[in-house]
PDB file of N, CA and C in Angstrom:
ATOM      1  N   UNK A   1       0.847  -1.172   0.000  1.00  0.00           N
ATOM      2  CA  UNK A   1       0.000   0.000   0.000  1.00  0.00           C
ATOM      3  C   UNK A   1       0.900   1.245   0.000  1.00  0.00           C
ATOM      4  N   UNK A   2       0.589   2.237  -0.839  1.00  0.00           N
ATOM      5  CA  UNK A   2       1.405   3.454  -0.872  1.00  0.00           C
ATOM      6  C   UNK A   2       1.281   4.244   0.421  1.00  0.00           C
ATOM      7  N   UNK A   3       2.333   4.995   0.716  1.00  0.00           N
ATOM      8  CA  UNK A   3       2.362   5.789   1.934  1.00  0.00           C
ATOM      9  C   UNK A   3       2.294   7.258   1.547  1.00  0.00           C
ATOM     10  N   UNK A   4       1.360   7.993   2.103  1.00  0.00           N
ATOM     11  CA  UNK A   4       1.149   9.398   1.790  1.00  0.00           C
ATOM     12  C   UNK A   4       1.913  10.278   2.770  1.00  0.00           C
ATOM     13  N   UNK A   5       2.612  11.235   2.224  1.00  0.00           N
ATOM     14  CA  UNK A   5       3.272  12.249   3.042  1.00  0.00           C
ATOM     15  C   UNK A   5       2.905  13.602   2.456  1.00  0.00           C
ATOM     16  N   UNK A   6       2.425  14.500   3.283  1.00  0.00           N
ATOM     17  CA  UNK A   6       2.016  15.818   2.830  1.00  0.00           C
ATOM     18  C   UNK A   6       3.227  16.758   2.897  1.00  0.00           C
ATOM     19  N   UNK A   7       3.505  17.433   1.772  1.00  0.00           N
ATOM     20  CA  UNK A   7       4.604  18.394   1.698  1.00  0.00           C
ATOM     21  C   UNK A   7       4.043  19.701   1.140  1.00  0.00           C
ATOM     22  N   UNK A   8       4.799  20.767   1.316  1.00  0.00           N
ATOM     23  CA  UNK A   8       4.341  22.046   0.786  1.00  0.00           C
ATOM     24  C   UNK A   8       4.455  22.043  -0.743  1.00  0.00           C
ATOM     25  N   UNK A   9       3.640  22.856  -1.361  1.00  0.00           N
ATOM     26  CA  UNK A   9       3.660  22.919  -2.820  1.00  0.00           C
ATOM     27  C   UNK A   9       5.002  23.441  -3.324  1.00  0.00           C
ATOM     28  N   UNK A  10       5.575  24.424  -2.611  1.00  0.00           N
ATOM     29  CA  UNK A  10       6.861  24.977  -3.051  1.00  0.00           C
ATOM     30  C   UNK A  10       7.956  23.913  -3.010  1.00  0.00           C
ATOM     31  N   UNK A  11       7.935  23.061  -1.994  1.00  0.00           N
ATOM     32  CA  UNK A  11       8.924  21.988  -1.924  1.00  0.00           C
ATOM     33  C   UNK A  11       8.742  21.004  -3.073  1.00  0.00           C
ATOM     34  N   UNK A  12       7.492  20.669  -3.386  1.00  0.00           N
ATOM     35  CA  UNK A  12       7.213  19.747  -4.482  1.00  0.00           C
ATOM     36  C   UNK A  12       7.669  20.327  -5.817  1.00  0.00           C
ATOM     37  N   UNK A  13       7.401  21.617  -6.043  1.00  0.00           N
ATOM     38  CA  UNK A  13       7.818  22.254  -7.294  1.00  0.00           C
ATOM     39  C   UNK A  13       9.334  22.310  -7.400  1.00  0.00           C
ATOM     40  N   UNK A  14       9.992  22.611  -6.295  1.00  0.00           N
ATOM     41  CA  UNK A  14      11.442  22.709  -6.308  1.00  0.00           C
ATOM     42  C   UNK A  14      12.092  21.355  -6.565  1.00  0.00           C
ATOM     43  N   UNK A  15      11.538  20.303  -5.987  1.00  0.00           N
ATOM     44  CA  UNK A  15      12.108  18.956  -6.156  1.00  0.00           C
ATOM     45  C   UNK A  15      11.830  18.350  -7.523  1.00  0.00           C
ATOM     46  N   UNK A  16      10.791  18.802  -8.210  1.00  0.00           N
ATOM     47  CA  UNK A  16      10.451  18.199  -9.493  1.00  0.00           C
ATOM     48  C   UNK A  16      10.958  18.988 -10.693  1.00  0.00           C
ATOM     49  N   UNK A  17      11.632  20.099 -10.476  1.00  0.00           N
ATOM     50  CA  UNK A  17      12.212  20.835 -11.597  1.00  0.00           C
ATOM     51  C   UNK A  17      13.526  20.184 -11.994  1.00  0.00           C
ATOM     52  N   UNK A  18      14.046  20.594 -13.137  1.00  0.00           N
ATOM     53  CA  UNK A  18      15.314  20.029 -13.595  1.00  0.00           C
ATOM     54  C   UNK A  18      16.425  20.377 -12.611  1.00  0.00           C
ATOM     55  N   UNK A  19      17.476  19.598 -12.630  1.00  0.00           N
ATOM     56  CA  UNK A  19      18.563  19.755 -11.654  1.00  0.00           C
ATOM     57  C   UNK A  19      19.219  21.129 -11.739  1.00  0.00           C
ATOM     58  N   UNK A  20      19.522  21.579 -12.952  1.00  0.00           N
ATOM     59  CA  UNK A  20      20.196  22.869 -13.104  1.00  0.00           C
ATOM     60  C   UNK A  20      19.299  24.005 -12.630  1.00  0.00           C
ATOM     61  N   UNK A  21      18.028  23.961 -12.994  1.00  0.00           N
ATOM     62  CA  UNK A  21      17.104  25.022 -12.585  1.00  0.00           C
ATOM     63  C   UNK A  21      16.895  24.996 -11.075  1.00  0.00           C
ATOM     64  N   UNK A  22      16.795  23.819 -10.488  1.00  0.00           N
ATOM     65  CA  UNK A  22      16.604  23.711  -9.046  1.00  0.00           C
ATOM     66  C   UNK A  22      17.800  24.288  -8.294  1.00  0.00           C
ATOM     67  N   UNK A  23      18.996  24.026  -8.782  1.00  0.00           N
ATOM     68  CA  UNK A  23      20.196  24.565  -8.129  1.00  0.00           C
ATOM     69  C   UNK A  23      20.212  26.080  -8.187  1.00  0.00           C
ATOM     70  N   UNK A  24      19.875  26.650  -9.341  1.00  0.00           N
ATOM     71  CA  UNK A  24      19.881  28.108  -9.442  1.00  0.00           C
ATOM     72  C   UNK A  24      18.769  28.711  -8.585  1.00  0.00           C
ATOM     73  N   UNK A  25      17.599  28.052  -8.533  1.00  0.00           N
ATOM     74  CA  UNK A  25      16.520  28.565  -7.690  1.00  0.00           C
ATOM     75  C   UNK A  25      16.886  28.510  -6.218  1.00  0.00           C
ATOM     76  N   UNK A  26      17.577  27.465  -5.797  1.00  0.00           N
ATOM     77  CA  UNK A  26      18.020  27.387  -4.391  1.00  0.00           C
ATOM     78  C   UNK A  26      18.953  28.551  -4.058  1.00  0.00           C
ATOM     79  N   UNK A  27      19.804  28.899  -4.998  1.00  0.00           N
ATOM     80  CA  UNK A  27      20.721  30.024  -4.795  1.00  0.00           C
ATOM     81  C   UNK A  27      19.924  31.317  -4.593  1.00  0.00           C
ATOM     82  N   UNK A  28      18.915  31.542  -5.429  1.00  0.00           N
ATOM     83  CA  UNK A  28      18.111  32.748  -5.315  1.00  0.00           C
ATOM     84  C   UNK A  28      17.248  32.725  -4.055  1.00  0.00           C
ATOM     85  N   UNK A  29      16.774  31.555  -3.665  1.00  0.00           N
ATOM     86  CA  UNK A  29      16.008  31.434  -2.423  1.00  0.00           C
ATOM     87  C   UNK A  29      16.886  31.818  -1.238  1.00  0.00           C
ATOM     88  N   UNK A  30      18.156  31.410  -1.270  1.00  0.00           N
ATOM     89  CA  UNK A  30      19.085  31.795  -0.202  1.00  0.00           C
ATOM     90  C   UNK A  30      19.264  33.308  -0.148  1.00  0.00           C
ATOM     91  N   UNK A  31      19.307  33.961  -1.318  1.00  0.00           N
ATOM     92  CA  UNK A  31      19.410  35.424  -1.348  1.00  0.00           C
ATOM     93  C   UNK A  31      18.209  36.049  -0.655  1.00  0.00           C
ATOM     94  N   UNK A  32      17.024  35.541  -0.966  1.00  0.00           N
ATOM     95  CA  UNK A  32      15.792  36.105  -0.405  1.00  0.00           C
ATOM     96  C   UNK A  32      15.711  35.844   1.098  1.00  0.00           C
ATOM     97  N   UNK A  33      16.039  34.628   1.514  1.00  0.00           N
ATOM     98  CA  UNK A  33      15.980  34.275   2.933  1.00  0.00           C
ATOM     99  C   UNK A  33      16.991  35.071   3.746  1.00  0.00           C
ATOM    100  N   UNK A  34      18.054  35.558   3.131  1.00  0.00           N
ATOM    101  CA  UNK A  34      19.073  36.326   3.832  1.00  0.00           C
ATOM    102  C   UNK A  34      18.656  37.746   4.154  1.00  0.00           C
ATOM    103  N   UNK A  35      17.548  38.194   3.586  1.00  0.00           N
ATOM    104  CA  UNK A  35      17.087  39.558   3.831  1.00  0.00           C
ATOM    105  C   UNK A  35      16.249  39.629   5.090  1.00  0.00           C
ATOM    106  N   UNK A  36      16.432  40.702   5.833  1.00  0.00           N
ATOM    107  CA  UNK A  36      15.539  40.974   6.949  1.00  0.00           C
ATOM    108  C   UNK A  36      14.723  42.217   6.607  1.00  0.00           C
ATOM    109  N   UNK A  37      13.881  42.648   7.516  1.00  0.00           N
ATOM    110  CA  UNK A  37      12.915  43.720   7.272  1.00  0.00           C
ATOM    111  C   UNK A  37      13.358  44.904   6.441  1.00  0.00           C
ATOM    112  N   UNK A  38      14.354  45.638   6.862  1.00  0.00           N
ATOM    113  CA  UNK A  38      14.717  46.865   6.178  1.00  0.00           C
ATOM    114  C   UNK A  38      15.866  46.727   5.198  1.00  0.00           C
ATOM    115  N   UNK A  39      16.224  45.533   4.826  1.00  0.00           N
ATOM    116  CA  UNK A  39      17.363  45.335   3.934  1.00  0.00           C
ATOM    117  C   UNK A  39      16.906  45.135   2.496  1.00  0.00           C
ATOM    118  N   UNK A  40      17.822  45.423   1.583  1.00  0.00           N
ATOM    119  CA  UNK A  40      17.601  45.189   0.158  1.00  0.00           C
ATOM    120  C   UNK A  40      18.801  44.430  -0.384  1.00  0.00           C
ATOM    121  N   UNK A  41      18.588  43.720  -1.464  1.00  0.00           N
ATOM    122  CA  UNK A  41      19.666  42.980  -2.112  1.00  0.00           C
ATOM    123  C   UNK A  41      19.999  43.610  -3.446  1.00  0.00           C
ATOM    124  N   UNK A  42      21.216  43.382  -3.902  1.00  0.00           N
ATOM    125  CA  UNK A  42      21.654  43.893  -5.203  1.00  0.00           C
ATOM    126  C   UNK A  42      22.291  42.739  -5.956  1.00  0.00           C
ATOM    127  N   UNK A  43      21.843  42.495  -7.169  1.00  0.00           N
ATOM    128  CA  UNK A  43      22.366  41.405  -7.992  1.00  0.00           C
ATOM    129  C   UNK A  43      22.848  41.930  -9.328  1.00  0.00           C
ATOM    130  N   UNK A  44      23.944  41.373  -9.788  1.00  0.00           N
ATOM    131  CA  UNK A  44      24.439  41.635 -11.130  1.00  0.00           C
ATOM    132  C   UNK A  44      24.470  40.313 -11.874  1.00  0.00           C
ATOM    133  N   UNK A  45      24.199  40.357 -13.151  1.00  0.00           N
ATOM    134  CA  UNK A  45      24.192  39.141 -13.957  1.00  0.00           C
ATOM    135  C   UNK A  45      25.619  38.616 -14.119  1.00  0.00           C
ATOM    136  N   UNK A  46      25.738  37.287 -14.058  1.00  0.00           N
ATOM    137  CA  UNK A  46      27.028  36.650 -14.313  1.00  0.00           C
ATOM    138  C   UNK A  46      27.291  36.658 -15.806  1.00  0.00           C
ATOM    139  N   UNK A  47      28.496  36.329 -16.174  1.00  0.00           N
ATOM    140  CA  UNK A  47      28.827  36.243 -17.590  1.00  0.00           C
ATOM    141  C   UNK A  47      27.976  35.143 -18.218  1.00  0.00           C
ATOM    142  N   UNK A  48      27.325  35.467 -19.311  1.00  0.00           N
ATOM    143  CA  UNK A  48      26.458  34.507 -19.989  1.00  0.00           C
ATOM    144  C   UNK A  48      25.005  34.587 -19.562  1.00  0.00           C
ATOM    145  N   UNK A  49      24.677  35.415 -18.562  1.00  0.00           N
ATOM    146  CA  UNK A  49      23.302  35.606 -18.114  1.00  0.00           C
ATOM    147  C   UNK A  49      22.828  36.992 -18.518  1.00  0.00           C
ATOM    148  N   UNK A  50      21.546  37.152 -18.617  1.00  0.00           N
ATOM    149  CA  UNK A  50      20.979  38.472 -18.860  1.00  0.00           C
ATOM    150  C   UNK A  50      20.261  38.940 -17.597  1.00  0.00           C
ATOM    151  N   UNK A  51      20.026  40.246 -17.516  1.00  0.00           N
ATOM    152  CA  UNK A  51      19.279  40.776 -16.372  1.00  0.00           C
ATOM    153  C   UNK A  51      17.854  40.237 -16.357  1.00  0.00           C
ATOM    154  N   UNK A  52      17.323  39.988 -17.510  1.00  0.00           N
ATOM    155  CA  UNK A  52      15.974  39.432 -17.599  1.00  0.00           C
ATOM    156  C   UNK A  52      15.913  38.047 -16.945  1.00  0.00           C
ATOM    157  N   UNK A  53      16.948  37.237 -17.177  1.00  0.00           N
ATOM    158  CA  UNK A  53      17.019  35.907 -16.569  1.00  0.00           C
ATOM    159  C   UNK A  53      17.122  36.016 -15.057  1.00  0.00           C
ATOM    160  N   UNK A  54      17.960  36.906 -14.578  1.00  0.00           N
ATOM    161  CA  UNK A  54      18.140  37.094 -13.137  1.00  0.00           C
ATOM    162  C   UNK A  54      16.826  37.535 -12.501  1.00  0.00           C
ATOM    163  N   UNK A  55      16.153  38.458 -13.137  1.00  0.00           N
ATOM    164  CA  UNK A  55      14.883  38.964 -12.611  1.00  0.00           C
ATOM    165  C   UNK A  55      13.825  37.853 -12.571  1.00  0.00           C
ATOM    166  N   UNK A  56      13.753  37.050 -13.625  1.00  0.00           N
ATOM    167  CA  UNK A  56      12.781  35.958 -13.681  1.00  0.00           C
ATOM    168  C   UNK A  56      13.050  34.931 -12.592  1.00  0.00           C
ATOM    169  N   UNK A  57      14.308  34.551 -12.426  1.00  0.00           N
ATOM    170  CA  UNK A  57      14.660  33.566 -11.395  1.00  0.00           C
ATOM    171  C   UNK A  57      14.368  34.097  -9.994  1.00  0.00           C
ATOM    172  N   UNK A  58      14.654  35.363  -9.788  1.00  0.00           N
ATOM    173  CA  UNK A  58      14.387  35.984  -8.493  1.00  0.00           C
ATOM    174  C   UNK A  58      12.894  35.988  -8.193  1.00  0.00           C
ATOM    175  N   UNK A  59      12.086  36.335  -9.186  1.00  0.00           N
ATOM    176  CA  UNK A  59      10.637  36.317  -9.015  1.00  0.00           C
ATOM    177  C   UNK A  59      10.107  34.917  -8.765  1.00  0.00           C
ATOM    178  N   UNK A  60      10.630  33.924  -9.499  1.00  0.00           N
ATOM    179  CA  UNK A  60      10.213  32.531  -9.305  1.00  0.00           C
ATOM    180  C   UNK A  60      10.554  32.046  -7.906  1.00  0.00           C
ATOM    181  N   UNK A  61      11.748  32.383  -7.434  1.00  0.00           N
ATOM    182  CA  UNK A  61      12.170  31.969  -6.091  1.00  0.00           C
ATOM    183  C   UNK A  61      11.291  32.622  -5.026  1.00  0.00           C
ATOM    184  N   UNK A  62      10.948  33.880  -5.228  1.00  0.00           N
ATOM    185  CA  UNK A  62      10.061  34.560  -4.283  1.00  0.00           C
ATOM    186  C   UNK A  62       8.689  33.920  -4.235  1.00  0.00           C
ATOM    187  N   UNK A  63       8.147  33.571  -5.399  1.00  0.00           N
ATOM    188  CA  UNK A  63       6.838  32.920  -5.436  1.00  0.00           C
ATOM    189  C   UNK A  63       6.880  31.543  -4.786  1.00  0.00           C
ATOM    190  N   UNK A  64       7.973  30.799  -4.987  1.00  0.00           N
ATOM    191  CA  UNK A  64       8.098  29.489  -4.360  1.00  0.00           C
ATOM    192  C   UNK A  64       8.093  29.590  -2.841  1.00  0.00           C
ATOM    193  N   UNK A  65       8.696  30.625  -2.297  1.00  0.00           N
ATOM    194  CA  UNK A  65       8.758  30.818  -0.850  1.00  0.00           C
ATOM    195  C   UNK A  65       7.577  31.602  -0.300  1.00  0.00           C
ATOM    196  N   UNK A  66       6.702  32.069  -1.175  1.00  0.00           N
ATOM    197  CA  UNK A  66       5.539  32.822  -0.712  1.00  0.00           C
ATOM    198  C   UNK A  66       5.882  34.216  -0.237  1.00  0.00           C
ATOM    199  N   UNK A  67       6.938  34.782  -0.770  1.00  0.00           N
ATOM    200  CA  UNK A  67       7.374  36.124  -0.377  1.00  0.00           C
ATOM    201  C   UNK A  67       7.038  37.099  -1.503  1.00  0.00           C
ATOM    202  N   UNK A  68       6.467  38.246  -1.135  1.00  0.00           N
ATOM    203  CA  UNK A  68       6.220  39.303  -2.107  1.00  0.00           C
ATOM    204  C   UNK A  68       7.470  40.165  -2.196  1.00  0.00           C
ATOM    205  N   UNK A  69       8.017  40.277  -3.394  1.00  0.00           N
ATOM    206  CA  UNK A  69       9.235  41.041  -3.601  1.00  0.00           C
ATOM    207  C   UNK A  69       8.963  42.267  -4.455  1.00  0.00           C
ATOM    208  N   UNK A  70       9.720  43.310  -4.194  1.00  0.00           N
ATOM    209  CA  UNK A  70       9.790  44.451  -5.085  1.00  0.00           C
ATOM    210  C   UNK A  70      11.110  44.292  -5.826  1.00  0.00           C
ATOM    211  N   UNK A  71      11.060  44.280  -7.148  1.00  0.00           N
ATOM    212  CA  UNK A  71      12.256  44.081  -7.963  1.00  0.00           C
ATOM    213  C   UNK A  71      12.394  45.283  -8.886  1.00  0.00           C
ATOM    214  N   UNK A  72      13.527  45.968  -8.797  1.00  0.00           N
ATOM    215  CA  UNK A  72      13.781  47.163  -9.606  1.00  0.00           C
ATOM    216  C   UNK A  72      15.124  47.028 -10.314  1.00  0.00           C
ATOM    217  N   UNK A  73      15.209  47.639 -11.487  1.00  0.00           N
ATOM    218  CA  UNK A  73      16.436  47.590 -12.273  1.00  0.00           C
ATOM    219  C   UNK A  73      17.033  48.986 -12.363  1.00  0.00           C
ATOM    220  N   UNK A  74      18.352  49.070 -12.210  1.00  0.00           N
ATOM    221  CA  UNK A  74      19.075  50.329 -12.366  1.00  0.00           C
ATOM    222  C   UNK A  74      20.303  50.045 -13.214  1.00  0.00           C
ATOM    223  N   UNK A  75      20.218  50.334 -14.489  1.00  0.00           N
ATOM    224  CA  UNK A  75      21.341  50.054 -15.381  1.00  0.00           C
ATOM    225  C   UNK A  75      21.559  48.559 -15.520  1.00  0.00           C
ATOM    226  N   UNK A  76      22.702  48.079 -15.075  1.00  0.00           N
ATOM    227  CA  UNK A  76      23.052  46.663 -15.157  1.00  0.00           C
ATOM    228  C   UNK A  76      22.962  45.962 -13.808  1.00  0.00           C
ATOM    229  N   UNK A  77      22.191  46.540 -12.894  1.00  0.00           N
ATOM    230  CA  UNK A  77      22.060  46.003 -11.539  1.00  0.00           C
ATOM    231  C   UNK A  77      20.570  45.846 -11.210  1.00  0.00           C
ATOM    232  N   UNK A  78      20.243  44.785 -10.491  1.00  0.00           N
ATOM    233  CA  UNK A  78      18.878  44.575 -10.024  1.00  0.00           C
ATOM    234  C   UNK A  78      18.863  44.686  -8.502  1.00  0.00           C
ATOM    235  N   UNK A  79      17.943  45.490  -7.995  1.00  0.00           N
ATOM    236  CA  UNK A  79      17.731  45.628  -6.560  1.00  0.00           C
ATOM    237  C   UNK A  79      16.423  44.945  -6.202  1.00  0.00           C
ATOM    238  N   UNK A  80      16.367  44.345  -5.028  1.00  0.00           N
ATOM    239  CA  UNK A  80      15.134  43.704  -4.582  1.00  0.00           C
ATOM    240  C   UNK A  80      15.020  43.793  -3.076  1.00  0.00           C
ATOM    241  N   UNK A  81      13.788  43.816  -2.607  1.00  0.00           N
ATOM    242  CA  UNK A  81      13.516  43.819  -1.174  1.00  0.00           C
ATOM    243  C   UNK A  81      12.133  43.239  -0.946  1.00  0.00           C
ATOM    244  N   UNK A  82      11.873  42.897   0.307  1.00  0.00           N
ATOM    245  CA  UNK A  82      10.578  42.335   0.671  1.00  0.00           C
ATOM    246  C   UNK A  82       9.534  43.434   0.704  1.00  0.00           C
ATOM    247  N   UNK A  83       8.386  43.152   0.131  1.00  0.00           N
ATOM    248  CA  UNK A  83       7.307  44.129   0.101  1.00  0.00           C
ATOM    249  C   UNK A  83       6.679  44.192   1.482  1.00  0.00           C
ATOM    250  N   UNK A  84       6.550  45.387   2.002  1.00  0.00           N
ATOM    251  CA  UNK A  84       5.927  45.562   3.314  1.00  0.00           C
ATOM    252  C   UNK A  84       4.450  45.836   3.116  1.00  0.00           C
ATOM    253  N   UNK A  85       3.663  45.275   3.964  1.00  0.00           N
ATOM    254  CA  UNK A  85       2.217  45.477   3.885  1.00  0.00           C
ATOM    255  C   UNK A  85       1.785  46.258   5.107  1.00  0.00           C
ATOM    256  N   UNK A  86       2.104  47.520   5.113  1.00  0.00           N
ATOM    257  CA  UNK A  86       1.717  48.376   6.226  1.00  0.00           C
ATOM    258  C   UNK A  86       0.291  48.849   6.068  1.00  0.00           C
ATOM    259  N   UNK A  87      -0.307  49.202   7.174  1.00  0.00           N
ATOM    260  CA  UNK A  87      -1.664  49.723   7.118  1.00  0.00           C
ATOM    261  C   UNK A  87      -1.615  51.159   6.621  1.00  0.00           C
ATOM    262  N   UNK A  88      -2.561  51.478   5.780  1.00  0.00           N
ATOM    263  CA  UNK A  88      -2.625  52.817   5.229  1.00  0.00           C
ATOM    264  C   UNK A  88      -3.827  53.550   5.811  1.00  0.00           C
ATOM    265  N   UNK A  89      -3.722  54.845   5.825  1.00  0.00           N
ATOM    266  CA  UNK A  89      -4.855  55.648   6.259  1.00  0.00           C
ATOM    267  C   UNK A  89      -4.785  56.033   7.724  1.00  0.00           C
ATOM    268  N   UNK A  90      -5.827  56.669   8.140  1.00  0.00           N
ATOM    269  CA  UNK A  90      -5.911  57.171   9.496  1.00  0.00           C
ATOM    270  C   UNK A  90      -6.314  56.048  10.452  1.00  0.00           C
ATOM    271  N   UNK A  91      -5.669  55.983  11.625  1.00  0.00           N
ATOM    272  CA  UNK A  91      -6.048  54.934  12.583  1.00  0.00           C
ATOM    273  C   UNK A  91      -7.453  55.161  13.143  1.00  0.00           C
ATOM    274  N   UNK A  92      -8.088  54.076  13.563  1.00  0.00           N
ATOM    275  CA  UNK A  92      -9.413  54.162  14.133  1.00  0.00           C
ATOM    276  C   UNK A  92      -9.399  54.881  15.480  1.00  0.00           C
ATOM    277  N   UNK A  93     -10.483  55.556  15.749  1.00  0.00           N
ATOM    278  CA  UNK A  93     -10.615  56.177  17.066  1.00  0.00           C
ATOM    279  C   UNK A  93     -10.967  55.112  18.082  1.00  0.00           C
ATOM    280  N   UNK A  94     -10.375  55.214  19.244  1.00  0.00           N
ATOM    281  CA  UNK A  94     -10.667  54.267  20.310  1.00  0.00           C
ATOM    282  C   UNK A  94     -11.500  54.992  21.353  1.00  0.00           C
ATOM    283  N   UNK A  95     -12.687  54.496  21.584  1.00  0.00           N
ATOM    284  CA  UNK A  95     -13.541  55.138  22.587  1.00  0.00           C
ATOM    285  C   UNK A  95     -13.190  54.592  23.962  1.00  0.00           C
ATOM    286  N   UNK A  96     -13.150  55.490  24.932  1.00  0.00           N
ATOM    287  CA  UNK A  96     -12.758  55.113  26.288  1.00  0.00           C
ATOM    288  C   UNK A  96     -13.898  54.652  27.128  1.00  0.00           C
TER     289      UNK A  96
END
């Protein structure tokens, strides 16, 4: 009889991708996990890569981890940080 084990969808997607793609995604996931609240990361494309490839991999890694990222390009450099979901507007009045 088969044995069922429940895993997260991101883990399943990461394990079932090709070996080369999985290795590069793990690298980008490590970049994202290394960020804390007020920090940003800066990436430059390696030789043979394009900024478009770096941006796509970064976005894919963020989606796999369930993290919302802001990704911006400045010349030949990509900056990224975690999207903050702060409350907007005026705070509610508290009656005493």
